[in-house]
Amino acid sequence: LLMLSGGIDSAYCLWQRVRAGQYTRTHHVSLADHEGRRDVEDRAVQQILDWMRRNGGEGLIEHTSSAMDFRDMWIPKNFHAWAYWAGAIMASPRGQSITTVILPRHSDAFRGGPNSPGARKSDAAYRGHIKLICGREPRLSLPMAHLTKAEAVAAMPEDLLRLCWWCRRPRAGQPCHKCMTCRQVDPALAARWRR
């Protein structure tokens, strides 16, 4: 099971699985919150799925979506919401055979690296929330944990990369160039387009 956000990391993981001919159950949470990226992420997910189907993924992807609206409320880390939906999917009659959750996490996703307190909290949330909901603990797969965000950007097909979204706090549909993700992606894209 792969939570497909419309971002570079989840698109990278799905691309790798499609290249390997692996069936993948994907799910997108259309998240409305004060950061304001729902529309750009929703659009990116559809474009990524279309690209995957045109490039070897036809018949390999089963996709569903759901929605959450936090309005102006403060929200906890997104991984809590993703873990909830992963647990709901795994608890459903059709999700009983799912045992693995793919975490699209690169090596510099958390300050302090892959073994940082933030990364451990994310792992604990996935294991704990999912087990509470579906009664079994998932195996967590981190297929890009050996890559930095910049390395993932450099490795992806250019036409797929152009469909992805990354900014946490877009302004008028454009990246803010200030959030942590923009600070990682902006120089990686600049290097990529210079090649």
Protein backbone atom coordinates (compact mmCIF):
# COMPACT_ATOMS: atom_id res chain seq x y z
CA LEU A 1 0.00 0.00 0.00
CA LEU A 2 1.41 3.38 -1.07
CA MET A 3 -0.10 6.69 0.00
CA LEU A 4 0.18 8.77 -3.17
CA SER A 5 0.38 12.46 -2.30
CA GLY A 6 1.19 13.92 -5.70
CA GLY A 7 4.69 14.72 -4.49
CA ILE A 8 8.07 13.68 -5.79
CA ASP A 9 8.71 10.95 -3.21
CA SER A 10 5.53 8.92 -3.63
CA ALA A 11 5.72 9.34 -7.42
CA TYR A 12 9.32 8.09 -7.33
CA CYS A 13 8.30 4.97 -5.36
CA LEU A 14 5.38 4.23 -7.69
CA TRP A 15 7.61 4.72 -10.75
CA GLN A 16 10.12 2.23 -9.38
CA ARG A 17 7.37 -0.31 -8.76
CA VAL A 18 5.88 0.15 -12.23
CA ARG A 19 9.35 -0.29 -13.76
CA ALA A 20 9.66 -3.57 -11.85
CA GLY A 21 6.19 -4.74 -12.96
CA GLN A 22 4.88 -4.77 -9.38
CA TYR A 23 1.18 -4.40 -8.56
CA THR A 24 0.57 -1.45 -6.23
CA ARG A 25 -2.46 -0.38 -4.23
CA THR A 26 -2.36 3.42 -4.01
CA HIS A 27 -4.50 5.86 -2.06
CA HIS A 28 -4.66 9.65 -2.11
CA VAL A 29 -6.03 11.79 0.72
CA SER A 30 -7.38 15.07 -0.62
CA LEU A 31 -6.35 17.17 2.37
CA ALA A 32 -7.82 20.62 2.95
CA ASP A 33 -5.99 22.56 5.63
CA HIS A 34 -4.45 25.96 6.35
CA GLU A 35 -1.41 25.17 4.14
CA GLY A 36 -3.61 25.25 1.03
CA ARG A 37 -2.12 22.59 -1.24
CA ARG A 38 -5.17 20.38 -1.80
CA ASP A 39 -5.94 21.50 -5.37
CA VAL A 40 -2.35 21.30 -6.63
CA GLU A 41 -1.81 17.89 -5.01
CA ASP A 42 -5.12 16.50 -6.30
CA ARG A 43 -4.22 17.60 -9.84
CA ALA A 44 -0.71 16.17 -9.54
CA VAL A 45 -2.03 12.77 -8.40
CA GLN A 46 -4.27 12.45 -11.45
CA GLN A 47 -1.46 13.50 -13.79
CA ILE A 48 0.97 11.04 -12.16
CA LEU A 49 -1.51 8.16 -12.40
CA ASP A 50 -2.17 8.96 -16.07
CA TRP A 51 1.58 9.05 -16.73
CA MET A 52 2.11 5.71 -14.98
CA ARG A 53 -0.64 4.03 -16.99
CA ARG A 54 0.85 5.34 -20.24
CA ASN A 55 4.33 4.17 -19.22
CA GLY A 56 3.86 0.54 -18.27
CA GLY A 57 1.54 0.80 -15.29
CA GLU A 58 -1.72 -0.15 -16.97
CA GLY A 59 -3.25 -2.94 -14.89
CA LEU A 60 -0.61 -2.63 -12.16
CA ILE A 61 -2.22 0.14 -10.08
CA GLU A 62 -5.41 0.04 -8.04
CA HIS A 63 -6.19 3.53 -6.81
CA THR A 64 -8.69 5.01 -4.36
CA SER A 65 -9.07 8.39 -2.72
CA SER A 66 -10.63 10.00 0.31
CA ALA A 67 -10.91 13.52 1.69
CA MET A 68 -10.25 15.31 4.97
CA ASP A 69 -11.07 18.94 5.74
CA PHE A 70 -9.34 20.54 8.73
CA ARG A 71 -10.39 24.04 7.67
CA ASP A 72 -8.46 26.48 9.89
CA MET A 73 -7.72 24.01 12.68
CA TRP A 74 -4.19 23.17 13.74
CA ILE A 75 -3.34 19.70 12.51
CA PRO A 76 -0.82 17.13 13.68
CA LYS A 77 1.88 15.75 11.39
CA ASN A 78 0.38 14.43 8.15
CA PHE A 79 1.72 10.93 8.79
CA HIS A 80 -0.99 10.50 11.45
CA ALA A 81 -3.69 11.05 8.81
CA TRP A 82 -1.95 8.82 6.26
CA ALA A 83 -1.59 6.07 8.88
CA TYR A 84 -5.30 6.34 9.72
CA TRP A 85 -6.30 5.85 6.08
CA ALA A 86 -3.78 3.03 5.62
CA GLY A 87 -5.33 1.29 8.63
CA ALA A 88 -8.84 1.82 7.26
CA ILE A 89 -7.84 0.33 3.92
CA MET A 90 -6.12 -2.64 5.55
CA ALA A 91 -9.18 -3.23 7.78
CA SER A 92 -11.56 -3.33 4.82
CA PRO A 93 -12.64 -6.67 3.34
CA ARG A 94 -10.55 -6.03 0.21
CA GLY A 95 -7.55 -4.90 2.23
CA GLN A 96 -7.10 -8.04 4.30
CA SER A 97 -4.26 -9.27 2.13
CA ILE A 98 -2.24 -6.04 2.45
CA THR A 99 0.70 -6.54 4.79
CA THR A 100 3.17 -3.84 3.70
CA VAL A 101 2.97 -0.06 3.75
CA ILE A 102 5.45 1.73 1.50
CA LEU A 103 6.84 4.88 3.11
CA PRO A 104 8.18 7.26 0.45
CA ARG A 105 10.81 8.73 2.74
CA HIS A 106 14.18 9.96 1.47
CA SER A 107 17.24 10.12 3.72
CA ASP A 108 16.92 13.84 4.42
CA ALA A 109 13.15 13.88 4.98
CA PHE A 110 13.59 14.55 8.69
CA ARG A 111 16.05 16.88 10.35
CA GLY A 112 18.61 14.58 11.90
CA GLY A 113 18.33 11.89 9.24
CA PRO A 114 16.68 8.49 8.90
CA ASN A 115 17.12 7.54 12.56
CA SER A 116 16.04 10.89 13.98
CA PRO A 117 13.28 11.25 16.58
CA GLY A 118 10.95 12.55 13.84
CA ALA A 119 11.51 9.49 11.67
CA ARG A 120 10.97 7.18 14.64
CA LYS A 121 7.72 8.98 15.53
CA SER A 122 6.51 8.53 11.96
CA ASP A 123 7.29 4.81 12.02
CA ALA A 124 5.61 4.42 15.40
CA ALA A 125 2.51 6.23 14.13
CA TYR A 126 2.21 3.97 11.11
CA ARG A 127 2.68 0.80 13.14
CA GLY A 128 0.52 1.89 16.07
CA HIS A 129 -2.39 3.59 14.30
CA ILE A 130 -2.68 0.85 11.71
CA LYS A 131 -2.62 -1.89 14.32
CA LEU A 132 -5.32 -0.13 16.36
CA ILE A 133 -7.57 0.11 13.31
CA CYS A 134 -7.03 -3.20 11.53
CA GLY A 135 -5.65 -5.41 14.29
CA ARG A 136 -2.30 -6.17 12.70
CA GLU A 137 0.98 -4.33 12.46
CA PRO A 138 2.21 -3.58 8.94
CA ARG A 139 5.65 -4.21 7.57
CA LEU A 140 7.12 -0.83 6.67
CA SER A 141 9.05 -0.63 3.41
CA LEU A 142 11.34 2.36 2.80
CA PRO A 143 12.56 1.87 -0.78
CA MET A 144 14.16 5.30 -1.13
CA ALA A 145 15.68 5.73 2.33
CA HIS A 146 19.15 5.50 0.78
CA LEU A 147 18.52 8.53 -1.47
CA THR A 148 18.48 12.23 -0.72
CA LYS A 149 15.66 14.31 -2.14
CA ALA A 150 18.12 15.73 -4.68
CA GLU A 151 19.12 12.23 -5.80
CA ALA A 152 15.48 11.27 -6.29
CA VAL A 153 14.92 14.44 -8.35
CA ALA A 154 17.96 13.63 -10.48
CA ALA A 155 16.86 10.03 -11.08
CA MET A 156 13.25 10.57 -12.17
CA PRO A 157 12.13 10.88 -15.79
CA GLU A 158 11.85 14.57 -16.58
CA ASP A 159 8.29 14.40 -17.87
CA LEU A 160 7.16 12.63 -14.67
CA LEU A 161 9.04 15.07 -12.46
CA ARG A 162 7.28 18.01 -14.12
CA LEU A 163 3.90 16.55 -13.05
CA CYS A 164 4.80 16.36 -9.36
CA TRP A 165 4.08 18.89 -6.64
CA TRP A 166 6.33 19.56 -3.66
CA CYS A 167 5.71 22.88 -1.89
CA ARG A 168 4.10 22.71 1.55
CA ARG A 169 2.58 26.20 1.45
CA PRO A 170 1.80 27.27 -2.13
CA ARG A 171 0.75 30.81 -2.91
CA ALA A 172 -1.69 31.29 -5.79
CA GLY A 173 -0.80 27.83 -7.10
CA GLN A 174 2.93 28.53 -7.13
CA PRO A 175 5.69 27.18 -4.85
CA CYS A 176 6.55 29.41 -1.89
CA HIS A 177 10.33 28.81 -2.23
CA LYS A 178 10.58 29.12 1.57
CA CYS A 179 9.31 25.87 3.14
CA MET A 180 11.66 23.00 3.97
CA THR A 181 10.62 21.04 0.88
CA CYS A 182 11.14 23.99 -1.46
CA ARG A 183 14.58 24.53 0.08
CA GLN A 184 15.43 20.92 -0.83
CA VAL A 185 13.76 20.81 -4.25
CA ASP A 186 14.63 24.24 -5.69
CA PRO A 187 18.41 23.62 -5.92
CA ALA A 188 17.85 20.03 -7.06
CA LEU A 189 15.59 21.21 -9.89
CA ALA A 190 18.04 23.96 -10.84
CA ALA A 191 20.80 21.35 -11.10
CA ARG A 192 18.51 19.02 -13.05
CA TRP A 193 17.47 21.61 -15.62
CA ARG A 194 21.13 22.69 -16.12
CA ARG A 195 22.13 19.17 -17.25
